[in-house]
Amino acid sequence: MNYKVVEAHKSNYPNPITIKKGTKLKVGDKYNGPENWRYCYTLNNGTEEWVPEQLIVIENEYGIILEDYTAKELNVEKMKLLRE
């Protein structure tokens, strides 16, 4: 696949949450919008970030992640193309 970058993007999250399948998380607030996200906290290293709710089995204020997940965002620059 080829992609064309139409706008530069720099991640606002230099230390994204990265979690392995089966990891226990503390599950916090639900995102106030159309997407199903939950704010989660790892128990071992204290990282925190939004995680898609469909990847978590939630029981009370804790959850288990169903598959490996990272919230890493890529930094990209808009480039001029000589030919399209």
PDB file of N, CA and C in Angstrom:
ATOM      1  N   MET A   1       0.829  -1.179   0.000  1.00  0.00           N
ATOM      2  CA  MET A   1       0.000   0.000   0.000  1.00  0.00           C
ATOM      3  C   MET A   1       0.871   1.238   0.000  1.00  0.00           C
ATOM      4  N   ASN A   2       0.407   2.243  -0.682  1.00  0.00           N
ATOM      5  CA  ASN A   2       1.074   3.539  -0.673  1.00  0.00           C
ATOM      6  C   ASN A   2       0.124   4.564  -0.078  1.00  0.00           C
ATOM      7  N   TYR A   3       0.682   5.463   0.703  1.00  0.00           N
ATOM      8  CA  TYR A   3      -0.114   6.508   1.327  1.00  0.00           C
ATOM      9  C   TYR A   3       0.499   7.859   0.988  1.00  0.00           C
ATOM     10  N   LYS A   4      -0.337   8.847   0.899  1.00  0.00           N
ATOM     11  CA  LYS A   4       0.119  10.208   0.662  1.00  0.00           C
ATOM     12  C   LYS A   4      -0.157  11.013   1.924  1.00  0.00           C
ATOM     13  N   VAL A   5       0.882  11.603   2.493  1.00  0.00           N
ATOM     14  CA  VAL A   5       0.725  12.418   3.700  1.00  0.00           C
ATOM     15  C   VAL A   5       0.247  13.800   3.276  1.00  0.00           C
ATOM     16  N   VAL A   6      -0.950  14.167   3.729  1.00  0.00           N
ATOM     17  CA  VAL A   6      -1.522  15.455   3.334  1.00  0.00           C
ATOM     18  C   VAL A   6      -1.373  16.510   4.428  1.00  0.00           C
ATOM     19  N   GLU A   7      -0.988  16.067   5.624  1.00  0.00           N
ATOM     20  CA  GLU A   7      -0.782  16.999   6.727  1.00  0.00           C
ATOM     21  C   GLU A   7       0.235  16.401   7.688  1.00  0.00           C
ATOM     22  N   ALA A   8       1.161  17.220   8.162  1.00  0.00           N
ATOM     23  CA  ALA A   8       2.159  16.757   9.124  1.00  0.00           C
ATOM     24  C   ALA A   8       1.486  16.422  10.454  1.00  0.00           C
ATOM     25  N   HIS A   9       2.070  15.462  11.176  1.00  0.00           N
ATOM     26  CA  HIS A   9       1.550  15.088  12.490  1.00  0.00           C
ATOM     27  C   HIS A   9       2.710  14.744  13.402  1.00  0.00           C
ATOM     28  N   LYS A  10       2.673  15.297  14.618  1.00  0.00           N
ATOM     29  CA  LYS A  10       3.651  14.958  15.646  1.00  0.00           C
ATOM     30  C   LYS A  10       2.865  14.460  16.854  1.00  0.00           C
ATOM     31  N   SER A  11       3.227  13.294  17.329  1.00  0.00           N
ATOM     32  CA  SER A  11       2.518  12.678  18.446  1.00  0.00           C
ATOM     33  C   SER A  11       2.584  13.559  19.696  1.00  0.00           C
ATOM     34  N   ASN A  12       1.468  13.623  20.395  1.00  0.00           N
ATOM     35  CA  ASN A  12       1.403  14.332  21.680  1.00  0.00           C
ATOM     36  C   ASN A  12       1.749  13.405  22.841  1.00  0.00           C
ATOM     37  N   TYR A  13       1.995  12.128  22.537  1.00  0.00           N
ATOM     38  CA  TYR A  13       2.215  11.123  23.566  1.00  0.00           C
ATOM     39  C   TYR A  13       3.562  10.425  23.335  1.00  0.00           C
ATOM     40  N   PRO A  14       4.655  10.974  23.878  1.00  0.00           N
ATOM     41  CA  PRO A  14       5.978  10.392  23.635  1.00  0.00           C
ATOM     42  C   PRO A  14       6.190   9.038  24.324  1.00  0.00           C
ATOM     43  N   ASN A  15       5.412   8.720  25.353  1.00  0.00           N
ATOM     44  CA  ASN A  15       5.530   7.452  26.077  1.00  0.00           C
ATOM     45  C   ASN A  15       4.194   6.723  26.063  1.00  0.00           C
ATOM     46  N   PRO A  16       3.806   6.173  24.915  1.00  0.00           N
ATOM     47  CA  PRO A  16       2.484   5.558  24.809  1.00  0.00           C
ATOM     48  C   PRO A  16       2.365   4.271  25.622  1.00  0.00           C
ATOM     49  N   ILE A  17       1.147   3.964  26.003  1.00  0.00           N
ATOM     50  CA  ILE A  17       0.883   2.715  26.709  1.00  0.00           C
ATOM     51  C   ILE A  17       1.121   1.561  25.732  1.00  0.00           C
ATOM     52  N   THR A  18       1.813   0.539  26.190  1.00  0.00           N
ATOM     53  CA  THR A  18       2.044  -0.675  25.417  1.00  0.00           C
ATOM     54  C   THR A  18       1.762  -1.839  26.346  1.00  0.00           C
ATOM     55  N   ILE A  19       0.798  -2.675  25.975  1.00  0.00           N
ATOM     56  CA  ILE A  19       0.367  -3.755  26.857  1.00  0.00           C
ATOM     57  C   ILE A  19       0.237  -5.065  26.084  1.00  0.00           C
ATOM     58  N   LYS A  20       0.540  -6.138  26.763  1.00  0.00           N
ATOM     59  CA  LYS A  20       0.488  -7.482  26.183  1.00  0.00           C
ATOM     60  C   LYS A  20      -0.836  -8.165  26.544  1.00  0.00           C
ATOM     61  N   LYS A  21      -1.264  -9.039  25.665  1.00  0.00           N
ATOM     62  CA  LYS A  21      -2.461  -9.830  25.891  1.00  0.00           C
ATOM     63  C   LYS A  21      -2.403 -10.478  27.272  1.00  0.00           C
ATOM     64  N   GLY A  22      -3.518 -10.407  28.009  1.00  0.00           N
ATOM     65  CA  GLY A  22      -3.600 -11.004  29.331  1.00  0.00           C
ATOM     66  C   GLY A  22      -3.213 -10.081  30.471  1.00  0.00           C
ATOM     67  N   THR A  23      -2.726  -8.881  30.171  1.00  0.00           N
ATOM     68  CA  THR A  23      -2.310  -7.931  31.203  1.00  0.00           C
ATOM     69  C   THR A  23      -3.531  -7.372  31.934  1.00  0.00           C
ATOM     70  N   LYS A  24      -3.416  -7.262  33.252  1.00  0.00           N
ATOM     71  CA  LYS A  24      -4.479  -6.675  34.068  1.00  0.00           C
ATOM     72  C   LYS A  24      -4.272  -5.169  34.127  1.00  0.00           C
ATOM     73  N   LEU A  25      -5.350  -4.410  33.939  1.00  0.00           N
ATOM     74  CA  LEU A  25      -5.322  -2.951  33.939  1.00  0.00           C
ATOM     75  C   LEU A  25      -6.327  -2.402  34.935  1.00  0.00           C
ATOM     76  N   LYS A  26      -6.070  -1.210  35.411  1.00  0.00           N
ATOM     77  CA  LYS A  26      -7.096  -0.466  36.134  1.00  0.00           C
ATOM     78  C   LYS A  26      -7.842   0.347  35.076  1.00  0.00           C
ATOM     79  N   VAL A  27      -9.154   0.197  35.022  1.00  0.00           N
ATOM     80  CA  VAL A  27      -9.969   0.850  33.996  1.00  0.00           C
ATOM     81  C   VAL A  27     -10.636   2.079  34.595  1.00  0.00           C
ATOM     82  N   GLY A  28     -10.436   3.209  33.913  1.00  0.00           N
ATOM     83  CA  GLY A  28     -10.991   4.468  34.394  1.00  0.00           C
ATOM     84  C   GLY A  28     -12.163   4.951  33.565  1.00  0.00           C
ATOM     85  N   ASP A  29     -12.186   6.248  33.346  1.00  0.00           N
ATOM     86  CA  ASP A  29     -13.306   6.909  32.686  1.00  0.00           C
ATOM     87  C   ASP A  29     -13.546   6.417  31.269  1.00  0.00           C
ATOM     88  N   LYS A  30     -14.800   6.520  30.866  1.00  0.00           N
ATOM     89  CA  LYS A  30     -15.193   6.226  29.497  1.00  0.00           C
ATOM     90  C   LYS A  30     -15.095   7.524  28.702  1.00  0.00           C
ATOM     91  N   TYR A  31     -14.623   7.428  27.464  1.00  0.00           N
ATOM     92  CA  TYR A  31     -14.493   8.596  26.591  1.00  0.00           C
ATOM     93  C   TYR A  31     -15.860   9.205  26.349  1.00  0.00           C
ATOM     94  N   ASN A  32     -15.944  10.519  26.415  1.00  0.00           N
ATOM     95  CA  ASN A  32     -17.196  11.234  26.205  1.00  0.00           C
ATOM     96  C   ASN A  32     -17.309  11.626  24.735  1.00  0.00           C
ATOM     97  N   GLY A  33     -17.662  10.671  23.908  1.00  0.00           N
ATOM     98  CA  GLY A  33     -17.764  10.904  22.477  1.00  0.00           C
ATOM     99  C   GLY A  33     -18.273   9.657  21.787  1.00  0.00           C
ATOM    100  N   PRO A  34     -18.264   9.664  20.462  1.00  0.00           N
ATOM    101  CA  PRO A  34     -18.842   8.537  19.722  1.00  0.00           C
ATOM    102  C   PRO A  34     -17.998   7.263  19.752  1.00  0.00           C
ATOM    103  N   GLU A  35     -16.707   7.361  20.032  1.00  0.00           N
ATOM    104  CA  GLU A  35     -15.853   6.184  20.068  1.00  0.00           C
ATOM    105  C   GLU A  35     -15.953   5.496  21.422  1.00  0.00           C
ATOM    106  N   ASN A  36     -15.688   4.195  21.449  1.00  0.00           N
ATOM    107  CA  ASN A  36     -15.721   3.417  22.695  1.00  0.00           C
ATOM    108  C   ASN A  36     -14.308   3.246  23.225  1.00  0.00           C
ATOM    109  N   TRP A  37     -13.832   4.208  23.992  1.00  0.00           N
ATOM    110  CA  TRP A  37     -12.506   4.183  24.582  1.00  0.00           C
ATOM    111  C   TRP A  37     -12.634   4.243  26.098  1.00  0.00           C
ATOM    112  N   ARG A  38     -11.676   3.625  26.796  1.00  0.00           N
ATOM    113  CA  ARG A  38     -11.596   3.721  28.254  1.00  0.00           C
ATOM    114  C   ARG A  38     -10.190   4.169  28.627  1.00  0.00           C
ATOM    115  N   TYR A  39     -10.099   5.056  29.625  1.00  0.00           N
ATOM    116  CA  TYR A  39      -8.792   5.503  30.101  1.00  0.00           C
ATOM    117  C   TYR A  39      -8.272   4.435  31.047  1.00  0.00           C
ATOM    118  N   CYS A  40      -7.100   3.850  30.726  1.00  0.00           N
ATOM    119  CA  CYS A  40      -6.564   2.727  31.486  1.00  0.00           C
ATOM    120  C   CYS A  40      -5.197   3.037  32.060  1.00  0.00           C
ATOM    121  N   TYR A  41      -4.890   2.346  33.142  1.00  0.00           N
ATOM    122  CA  TYR A  41      -3.622   2.498  33.850  1.00  0.00           C
ATOM    123  C   TYR A  41      -2.994   1.120  34.003  1.00  0.00           C
ATOM    124  N   THR A  42      -1.715   0.982  33.634  1.00  0.00           N
ATOM    125  CA  THR A  42      -1.036  -0.286  33.878  1.00  0.00           C
ATOM    126  C   THR A  42      -0.707  -0.385  35.359  1.00  0.00           C
ATOM    127  N   LEU A  43      -0.664  -1.599  35.870  1.00  0.00           N
ATOM    128  CA  LEU A  43      -0.387  -1.803  37.291  1.00  0.00           C
ATOM    129  C   LEU A  43       1.103  -1.923  37.581  1.00  0.00           C
ATOM    130  N   ASN A  44       1.901  -2.262  36.553  1.00  0.00           N
ATOM    131  CA  ASN A  44       3.328  -2.499  36.802  1.00  0.00           C
ATOM    132  C   ASN A  44       4.201  -1.261  36.628  1.00  0.00           C
ATOM    133  N   ASN A  45       3.942  -0.441  35.598  1.00  0.00           N
ATOM    134  CA  ASN A  45       4.839   0.706  35.387  1.00  0.00           C
ATOM    135  C   ASN A  45       4.129   2.056  35.379  1.00  0.00           C
ATOM    136  N   GLY A  46       2.839   2.070  35.642  1.00  0.00           N
ATOM    137  CA  GLY A  46       2.120   3.326  35.809  1.00  0.00           C
ATOM    138  C   GLY A  46       1.820   4.106  34.550  1.00  0.00           C
ATOM    139  N   THR A  47       2.040   3.523  33.360  1.00  0.00           N
ATOM    140  CA  THR A  47       1.666   4.254  32.155  1.00  0.00           C
ATOM    141  C   THR A  47       0.148   4.275  32.050  1.00  0.00           C
ATOM    142  N   GLU A  48      -0.350   5.292  31.362  1.00  0.00           N
ATOM    143  CA  GLU A  48      -1.797   5.455  31.238  1.00  0.00           C
ATOM    144  C   GLU A  48      -2.120   6.042  29.881  1.00  0.00           C
ATOM    145  N   GLU A  49      -3.277   5.667  29.363  1.00  0.00           N
ATOM    146  CA  GLU A  49      -3.669   6.132  28.032  1.00  0.00           C
ATOM    147  C   GLU A  49      -5.056   5.586  27.708  1.00  0.00           C
ATOM    148  N   TRP A  50      -5.631   6.116  26.645  1.00  0.00           N
ATOM    149  CA  TRP A  50      -6.909   5.633  26.140  1.00  0.00           C
ATOM    150  C   TRP A  50      -6.704   4.301  25.425  1.00  0.00           C
ATOM    151  N   VAL A  51      -7.592   3.348  25.683  1.00  0.00           N
ATOM    152  CA  VAL A  51      -7.541   2.012  25.082  1.00  0.00           C
ATOM    153  C   VAL A  51      -8.935   1.698  24.522  1.00  0.00           C
ATOM    154  N   PRO A  52      -9.012   1.115  23.309  1.00  0.00           N
ATOM    155  CA  PRO A  52     -10.327   0.747  22.769  1.00  0.00           C
ATOM    156  C   PRO A  52     -11.046  -0.233  23.700  1.00  0.00           C
ATOM    157  N   GLU A  53     -12.275   0.087  24.045  1.00  0.00           N
ATOM    158  CA  GLU A  53     -13.029  -0.714  25.005  1.00  0.00           C
ATOM    159  C   GLU A  53     -13.231  -2.157  24.539  1.00  0.00           C
ATOM    160  N   GLN A  54     -13.316  -2.371  23.226  1.00  0.00           N
ATOM    161  CA  GLN A  54     -13.546  -3.722  22.712  1.00  0.00           C
ATOM    162  C   GLN A  54     -12.351  -4.652  22.935  1.00  0.00           C
ATOM    163  N   LEU A  55     -11.208  -4.099  23.362  1.00  0.00           N
ATOM    164  CA  LEU A  55     -10.032  -4.915  23.645  1.00  0.00           C
ATOM    165  C   LEU A  55      -9.916  -5.300  25.118  1.00  0.00           C
ATOM    166  N   ILE A  56     -10.931  -4.937  25.931  1.00  0.00           N
ATOM    167  CA  ILE A  56     -10.844  -5.143  27.380  1.00  0.00           C
ATOM    168  C   ILE A  56     -12.060  -5.919  27.880  1.00  0.00           C
ATOM    169  N   VAL A  57     -11.809  -6.935  28.704  1.00  0.00           N
ATOM    170  CA  VAL A  57     -12.880  -7.580  29.469  1.00  0.00           C
ATOM    171  C   VAL A  57     -12.874  -6.876  30.814  1.00  0.00           C
ATOM    172  N   ILE A  58     -13.962  -6.163  31.129  1.00  0.00           N
ATOM    173  CA  ILE A  58     -13.999  -5.324  32.328  1.00  0.00           C
ATOM    174  C   ILE A  58     -14.814  -5.981  33.435  1.00  0.00           C
ATOM    175  N   GLU A  59     -14.220  -6.021  34.632  1.00  0.00           N
ATOM    176  CA  GLU A  59     -14.902  -6.479  35.849  1.00  0.00           C
ATOM    177  C   GLU A  59     -14.615  -5.453  36.931  1.00  0.00           C
ATOM    178  N   ASN A  60     -15.661  -4.747  37.342  1.00  0.00           N
ATOM    179  CA  ASN A  60     -15.539  -3.665  38.312  1.00  0.00           C
ATOM    180  C   ASN A  60     -14.598  -2.596  37.760  1.00  0.00           C
ATOM    181  N   GLU A  61     -13.557  -2.207  38.506  1.00  0.00           N
ATOM    182  CA  GLU A  61     -12.673  -1.159  37.995  1.00  0.00           C
ATOM    183  C   GLU A  61     -11.403  -1.721  37.347  1.00  0.00           C
ATOM    184  N   TYR A  62     -11.361  -3.037  37.146  1.00  0.00           N
ATOM    185  CA  TYR A  62     -10.201  -3.665  36.511  1.00  0.00           C
ATOM    186  C   TYR A  62     -10.608  -4.355  35.221  1.00  0.00           C
ATOM    187  N   GLY A  63      -9.625  -4.606  34.379  1.00  0.00           N
ATOM    188  CA  GLY A  63      -9.886  -5.297  33.130  1.00  0.00           C
ATOM    189  C   GLY A  63      -8.685  -6.102  32.696  1.00  0.00           C
ATOM    190  N   ILE A  64      -8.925  -7.019  31.774  1.00  0.00           N
ATOM    191  CA  ILE A  64      -7.874  -7.828  31.166  1.00  0.00           C
ATOM    192  C   ILE A  64      -7.858  -7.501  29.680  1.00  0.00           C
ATOM    193  N   ILE A  65      -6.682  -7.220  29.150  1.00  0.00           N
ATOM    194  CA  ILE A  65      -6.563  -6.878  27.727  1.00  0.00           C
ATOM    195  C   ILE A  65      -6.600  -8.173  26.906  1.00  0.00           C
ATOM    196  N   LEU A  66      -7.366  -8.158  25.820  1.00  0.00           N
ATOM    197  CA  LEU A  66      -7.600  -9.353  25.015  1.00  0.00           C
ATOM    198  C   LEU A  66      -6.546  -9.602  23.939  1.00  0.00           C
ATOM    199  N   GLU A  67      -5.776  -8.588  23.572  1.00  0.00           N
ATOM    200  CA  GLU A  67      -4.711  -8.749  22.578  1.00  0.00           C
ATOM    201  C   GLU A  67      -3.653  -7.678  22.798  1.00  0.00           C
ATOM    202  N   ASP A  68      -2.476  -7.910  22.263  1.00  0.00           N
ATOM    203  CA  ASP A  68      -1.400  -6.916  22.373  1.00  0.00           C
ATOM    204  C   ASP A  68      -1.904  -5.582  21.827  1.00  0.00           C
ATOM    205  N   TYR A  69      -1.516  -4.486  22.495  1.00  0.00           N
ATOM    206  CA  TYR A  69      -1.966  -3.154  22.064  1.00  0.00           C
ATOM    207  C   TYR A  69      -0.906  -2.116  22.391  1.00  0.00           C
ATOM    208  N   THR A  70      -0.724  -1.168  21.498  1.00  0.00           N
ATOM    209  CA  THR A  70       0.084   0.017  21.786  1.00  0.00           C
ATOM    210  C   THR A  70      -0.649   1.238  21.247  1.00  0.00           C
ATOM    211  N   ALA A  71      -0.533   2.331  21.950  1.00  0.00           N
ATOM    212  CA  ALA A  71      -1.160   3.585  21.527  1.00  0.00           C
ATOM    213  C   ALA A  71      -0.164   4.468  20.779  1.00  0.00           C
ATOM    214  N   LYS A  72       0.921   3.878  20.298  1.00  0.00           N
ATOM    215  CA  LYS A  72       1.956   4.649  19.603  1.00  0.00           C
ATOM    216  C   LYS A  72       1.395   5.330  18.360  1.00  0.00           C
ATOM    217  N   GLU A  73       1.664   6.616  18.250  1.00  0.00           N
ATOM    218  CA  GLU A  73       1.303   7.397  17.070  1.00  0.00           C
ATOM    219  C   GLU A  73       2.574   7.672  16.281  1.00  0.00           C
ATOM    220  N   LEU A  74       2.465   7.640  14.980  1.00  0.00           N
ATOM    221  CA  LEU A  74       3.621   7.912  14.131  1.00  0.00           C
ATOM    222  C   LEU A  74       3.750   9.400  13.852  1.00  0.00           C
ATOM    223  N   ASN A  75       4.980   9.880  13.833  1.00  0.00           N
ATOM    224  CA  ASN A  75       5.257  11.249  13.406  1.00  0.00           C
ATOM    225  C   ASN A  75       5.466  11.227  11.899  1.00  0.00           C
ATOM    226  N   VAL A  76       4.809  12.124  11.187  1.00  0.00           N
ATOM    227  CA  VAL A  76       4.962  12.179   9.735  1.00  0.00           C
ATOM    228  C   VAL A  76       5.101  13.629   9.286  1.00  0.00           C
ATOM    229  N   GLU A  77       5.790  13.798   8.174  1.00  0.00           N
ATOM    230  CA  GLU A  77       5.969  15.107   7.558  1.00  0.00           C
ATOM    231  C   GLU A  77       5.299  15.109   6.192  1.00  0.00           C
ATOM    232  N   LYS A  78       4.701  16.222   5.839  1.00  0.00           N
ATOM    233  CA  LYS A  78       4.138  16.383   4.502  1.00  0.00           C
ATOM    234  C   LYS A  78       5.302  16.577   3.547  1.00  0.00           C
ATOM    235  N   MET A  79       5.261  15.863   2.440  1.00  0.00           N
ATOM    236  CA  MET A  79       6.355  15.948   1.471  1.00  0.00           C
ATOM    237  C   MET A  79       5.823  16.411   0.124  1.00  0.00           C
ATOM    238  N   LYS A  80       6.632  17.176  -0.554  1.00  0.00           N
ATOM    239  CA  LYS A  80       6.297  17.594  -1.914  1.00  0.00           C
ATOM    240  C   LYS A  80       6.666  16.453  -2.851  1.00  0.00           C
ATOM    241  N   LEU A  81       5.762  16.127  -3.735  1.00  0.00           N
ATOM    242  CA  LEU A  81       6.045  15.105  -4.734  1.00  0.00           C
ATOM    243  C   LEU A  81       6.444  15.776  -6.047  1.00  0.00           C
ATOM    244  N   LEU A  82       7.454  15.246  -6.674  1.00  0.00           N
ATOM    245  CA  LEU A  82       7.858  15.788  -7.959  1.00  0.00           C
ATOM    246  C   LEU A  82       6.853  15.411  -9.041  1.00  0.00           C
ATOM    247  N   ARG A  83       6.327  14.190  -8.938  1.00  0.00           N
ATOM    248  CA  ARG A  83       5.299  13.713  -9.873  1.00  0.00           C
ATOM    249  C   ARG A  83       4.256  12.955  -9.058  1.00  0.00           C
ATOM    250  N   GLU A  84       3.018  13.073  -9.471  1.00  0.00           N
ATOM    251  CA  GLU A  84       1.973  12.296  -8.808  1.00  0.00           C
ATOM    252  C   GLU A  84       1.466  11.218  -9.714  1.00  0.00           C
TER     253      GLU A  84
END
